[in-house]
Amino acid sequence: MPKLKSKSSAKKRFSFTATGKVRRNKAYHRHILTDKTRKVKRNQRGTTILEGGDAAHVRRWLPYS
């Protein structure tokens, strides 16, 4: 059977923790930041962990990770 291809868009957007959870960046923190409150911008920093069904999709897109 041939090797599976990884989805290039997923390679750029997701990474895995040491325990195998899927990590993603938070949205809405790229532009028009002057209209957003300090609290919103602060909460958009860093990364977060994907939940169940979404994580399963990403694992399917990145078969060798």
Protein backbone atom coordinates (compact mmCIF):
# COMPACT_ATOMS: atom_id res chain seq x y z
CA MET A 1 0.00 0.00 0.00
CA PRO A 2 1.39 3.47 -0.82
CA LYS A 3 2.39 5.99 1.80
CA LEU A 4 -0.32 8.41 2.90
CA LYS A 5 0.07 12.11 2.18
CA SER A 6 -0.19 14.64 4.97
CA LYS A 7 -2.38 17.70 4.44
CA SER A 8 0.02 20.61 3.94
CA SER A 9 -2.38 23.15 5.45
CA ALA A 10 -2.67 21.05 8.62
CA LYS A 11 1.12 20.71 8.91
CA LYS A 12 1.37 24.48 9.17
CA ARG A 13 -1.49 24.96 11.64
CA PHE A 14 -1.31 22.12 14.16
CA SER A 15 1.30 20.50 16.35
CA PHE A 16 1.24 17.73 18.94
CA THR A 17 2.05 17.77 22.64
CA ALA A 18 4.31 15.16 24.20
CA THR A 19 1.23 13.21 25.34
CA GLY A 20 -0.28 13.25 21.83
CA LYS A 21 -2.89 15.98 22.18
CA VAL A 22 -3.40 18.36 19.27
CA ARG A 23 -2.34 21.97 19.80
CA ARG A 24 -3.66 24.91 17.76
CA ASN A 25 -3.30 28.68 17.66
CA LYS A 26 -6.23 30.89 18.64
CA ALA A 27 -8.14 32.86 16.02
CA TYR A 28 -9.01 36.58 15.82
CA HIS A 29 -5.60 37.91 16.81
CA ARG A 30 -4.17 39.02 13.45
CA HIS A 31 -5.61 42.42 12.56
CA ILE A 32 -8.10 45.11 13.64
CA LEU A 33 -6.73 44.79 17.16
CA THR A 34 -7.48 48.43 17.98
CA ASP A 35 -11.21 47.62 18.13
CA LYS A 36 -10.77 44.70 20.51
CA THR A 37 -10.60 45.04 24.27
CA ARG A 38 -7.48 44.35 26.28
CA LYS A 39 -9.15 41.32 27.84
CA VAL A 40 -10.02 39.78 24.46
CA LYS A 41 -6.51 40.29 23.11
CA ARG A 42 -4.96 38.86 26.27
CA ASN A 43 -7.14 35.75 26.07
CA GLN A 44 -6.15 35.19 22.44
CA ARG A 45 -2.45 34.79 23.27
CA GLY A 46 -0.75 31.43 23.08
CA THR A 47 -2.22 28.10 22.06
CA THR A 48 -5.00 25.78 23.14
CA ILE A 49 -5.82 22.06 22.91
CA LEU A 50 -8.33 20.72 20.38
CA GLU A 51 -11.32 18.77 21.66
CA GLY A 52 -12.31 15.20 20.74
CA GLY A 53 -13.88 15.11 17.28
CA ASP A 54 -11.81 17.98 15.92
CA ALA A 55 -8.61 16.34 17.13
CA ALA A 56 -9.60 13.11 15.38
CA HIS A 57 -9.93 14.99 12.07
CA VAL A 58 -6.48 16.51 12.46
CA ARG A 59 -4.92 13.14 13.31
CA ARG A 60 -6.38 11.79 10.07
CA TRP A 61 -4.82 14.68 8.14
CA LEU A 62 -1.39 14.09 9.73
CA PRO A 63 -0.97 10.31 9.67
CA TYR A 64 2.74 10.17 10.58
CA SER A 65 2.80 12.66 13.47
